[in-house]
């Protein structure tokens, strides 16, 4: 038996500036779910979507385990920086304040 993966068309629902922040992109279902889980847990607006690059910064998949680990502090920092008007979000954990 092999393994399976699902994909989702991930699109921008909006941004604090009313502009599209990223193009529709094909991402794995786990990453798409992680975006929704972070949004729900952090109480972010329904119209907010993290970009695939941002999702990569706060999500880690554990190979062979089926587990997806979400760093909610990083997800919150990314959102807060965008809302604060930084425009282009820092996309490296090293660039975020500890």
C-alpha atoms as a PDB file:
ATOM      1  CA  UNK A   1       0.000   0.000   0.000  1.00  0.00           C
ATOM      2  CA  UNK A   2       1.255   3.466  -0.832  1.00  0.00           C
ATOM      3  CA  UNK A   3       0.397   6.871   0.492  1.00  0.00           C
ATOM      4  CA  UNK A   4      -1.994   9.534  -0.651  1.00  0.00           C
ATOM      5  CA  UNK A   5      -2.062  13.292  -0.596  1.00  0.00           C
ATOM      6  CA  UNK A   6      -4.791  15.774  -1.318  1.00  0.00           C
ATOM      7  CA  UNK A   7      -4.436  19.199  -2.859  1.00  0.00           C
ATOM      8  CA  UNK A   8      -6.456  22.387  -2.588  1.00  0.00           C
ATOM      9  CA  UNK A   9      -6.685  25.540  -4.647  1.00  0.00           C
ATOM     10  CA  UNK A  10      -5.696  28.122  -2.048  1.00  0.00           C
ATOM     11  CA  UNK A  11      -6.863  31.642  -2.790  1.00  0.00           C
ATOM     12  CA  UNK A  12      -6.727  35.015  -1.123  1.00  0.00           C
ATOM     13  CA  UNK A  13      -9.956  35.839   0.709  1.00  0.00           C
ATOM     14  CA  UNK A  14      -8.800  39.394   1.246  1.00  0.00           C
ATOM     15  CA  UNK A  15      -6.422  41.446   3.320  1.00  0.00           C
ATOM     16  CA  UNK A  16      -6.499  44.335   5.756  1.00  0.00           C
ATOM     17  CA  UNK A  17      -5.832  46.590   2.753  1.00  0.00           C
ATOM     18  CA  UNK A  18      -8.590  45.207   0.557  1.00  0.00           C
ATOM     19  CA  UNK A  19      -6.106  43.922  -2.006  1.00  0.00           C
ATOM     20  CA  UNK A  20      -5.298  40.447  -3.207  1.00  0.00           C
ATOM     21  CA  UNK A  21      -2.083  39.434  -1.444  1.00  0.00           C
ATOM     22  CA  UNK A  22      -1.256  36.360  -3.558  1.00  0.00           C
ATOM     23  CA  UNK A  23      -2.384  34.459  -6.631  1.00  0.00           C
ATOM     24  CA  UNK A  24      -4.484  31.293  -6.401  1.00  0.00           C
ATOM     25  CA  UNK A  25      -2.044  28.453  -5.786  1.00  0.00           C
ATOM     26  CA  UNK A  26      -2.200  24.672  -5.546  1.00  0.00           C
ATOM     27  CA  UNK A  27      -1.086  23.591  -2.043  1.00  0.00           C
ATOM     28  CA  UNK A  28      -1.374  20.380  -0.044  1.00  0.00           C
ATOM     29  CA  UNK A  29      -4.552  19.804   1.917  1.00  0.00           C
ATOM     30  CA  UNK A  30      -2.665  19.736   5.228  1.00  0.00           C
ATOM     31  CA  UNK A  31      -1.299  23.233   4.618  1.00  0.00           C
ATOM     32  CA  UNK A  32      -4.721  24.498   3.595  1.00  0.00           C
ATOM     33  CA  UNK A  33      -6.200  23.018   6.781  1.00  0.00           C
ATOM     34  CA  UNK A  34      -3.386  24.512   8.878  1.00  0.00           C
ATOM     35  CA  UNK A  35      -4.272  27.973   7.549  1.00  0.00           C
ATOM     36  CA  UNK A  36      -7.886  27.494   8.616  1.00  0.00           C
ATOM     37  CA  UNK A  37      -6.916  26.069  12.008  1.00  0.00           C
ATOM     38  CA  UNK A  38      -4.582  28.986  12.744  1.00  0.00           C
ATOM     39  CA  UNK A  39      -7.224  31.487  11.658  1.00  0.00           C
ATOM     40  CA  UNK A  40      -9.821  29.854  13.916  1.00  0.00           C
ATOM     41  CA  UNK A  41      -7.619  29.439  17.002  1.00  0.00           C
ATOM     42  CA  UNK A  42      -6.252  32.986  16.758  1.00  0.00           C
ATOM     43  CA  UNK A  43      -9.664  34.536  16.032  1.00  0.00           C
ATOM     44  CA  UNK A  44      -8.506  36.102  12.772  1.00  0.00           C
ATOM     45  CA  UNK A  45     -11.066  37.611  10.379  1.00  0.00           C
ATOM     46  CA  UNK A  46     -12.844  35.149   8.090  1.00  0.00           C
ATOM     47  CA  UNK A  47     -11.669  37.067   5.016  1.00  0.00           C
ATOM     48  CA  UNK A  48      -7.985  36.650   6.000  1.00  0.00           C
ATOM     49  CA  UNK A  49      -5.863  34.035   4.225  1.00  0.00           C
ATOM     50  CA  UNK A  50      -2.206  33.369   4.833  1.00  0.00           C
ATOM     51  CA  UNK A  51      -0.138  33.092   1.674  1.00  0.00           C
ATOM     52  CA  UNK A  52       1.520  29.764   0.849  1.00  0.00           C
ATOM     53  CA  UNK A  53       4.877  31.313   1.818  1.00  0.00           C
ATOM     54  CA  UNK A  54       3.461  32.428   5.175  1.00  0.00           C
ATOM     55  CA  UNK A  55       1.880  29.003   5.797  1.00  0.00           C
ATOM     56  CA  UNK A  56       5.302  27.452   5.208  1.00  0.00           C
ATOM     57  CA  UNK A  57       6.679  29.637   7.997  1.00  0.00           C
ATOM     58  CA  UNK A  58       4.215  28.491  10.674  1.00  0.00           C
ATOM     59  CA  UNK A  59       3.507  24.900   9.611  1.00  0.00           C
ATOM     60  CA  UNK A  60       5.644  21.784   9.878  1.00  0.00           C
ATOM     61  CA  UNK A  61       4.602  18.339   8.711  1.00  0.00           C
ATOM     62  CA  UNK A  62       6.165  15.389  10.488  1.00  0.00           C
ATOM     63  CA  UNK A  63       7.210  12.922   7.784  1.00  0.00           C
ATOM     64  CA  UNK A  64       5.455   9.584   7.908  1.00  0.00           C
ATOM     65  CA  UNK A  65       3.342  10.505  10.929  1.00  0.00           C
ATOM     66  CA  UNK A  66       0.379  12.267   9.380  1.00  0.00           C
ATOM     67  CA  UNK A  67       0.916  15.054  11.941  1.00  0.00           C
ATOM     68  CA  UNK A  68       0.915  18.737  11.099  1.00  0.00           C
ATOM     69  CA  UNK A  69       2.444  21.051  13.710  1.00  0.00           C
ATOM     70  CA  UNK A  70       1.305  24.679  13.735  1.00  0.00           C
ATOM     71  CA  UNK A  71       3.365  27.391  15.412  1.00  0.00           C
ATOM     72  CA  UNK A  72       0.562  29.739  16.427  1.00  0.00           C
ATOM     73  CA  UNK A  73       2.958  32.417  17.708  1.00  0.00           C
ATOM     74  CA  UNK A  74       4.544  32.686  14.265  1.00  0.00           C
ATOM     75  CA  UNK A  75       1.117  32.706  12.580  1.00  0.00           C
ATOM     76  CA  UNK A  76       0.016  35.551  14.877  1.00  0.00           C
ATOM     77  CA  UNK A  77       3.226  37.503  14.265  1.00  0.00           C
ATOM     78  CA  UNK A  78       2.781  37.222  10.496  1.00  0.00           C
ATOM     79  CA  UNK A  79      -0.807  38.472  10.722  1.00  0.00           C
ATOM     80  CA  UNK A  80       0.086  41.297  13.117  1.00  0.00           C
ATOM     81  CA  UNK A  81       2.908  42.519  10.864  1.00  0.00           C
ATOM     82  CA  UNK A  82       0.603  42.593   7.830  1.00  0.00           C
ATOM     83  CA  UNK A  83      -2.115  44.446   9.732  1.00  0.00           C
ATOM     84  CA  UNK A  84       0.422  46.900  11.134  1.00  0.00           C
ATOM     85  CA  UNK A  85       1.113  47.991   7.578  1.00  0.00           C
ATOM     86  CA  UNK A  86       4.452  46.423   6.912  1.00  0.00           C
ATOM     87  CA  UNK A  87       3.146  45.454   3.473  1.00  0.00           C
ATOM     88  CA  UNK A  88       5.428  42.601   2.530  1.00  0.00           C
ATOM     89  CA  UNK A  89       5.497  40.200   5.443  1.00  0.00           C
ATOM     90  CA  UNK A  90       8.786  38.878   6.803  1.00  0.00           C
ATOM     91  CA  UNK A  91       8.942  35.305   5.566  1.00  0.00           C
ATOM     92  CA  UNK A  92      11.678  33.849   7.706  1.00  0.00           C
ATOM     93  CA  UNK A  93      11.454  32.727  11.307  1.00  0.00           C
ATOM     94  CA  UNK A  94      14.829  34.380  11.818  1.00  0.00           C
ATOM     95  CA  UNK A  95      13.206  37.677  10.822  1.00  0.00           C
ATOM     96  CA  UNK A  96      10.545  37.511  13.526  1.00  0.00           C
ATOM     97  CA  UNK A  97      11.057  38.906  16.995  1.00  0.00           C
ATOM     98  CA  UNK A  98      11.620  36.159  19.539  1.00  0.00           C
END
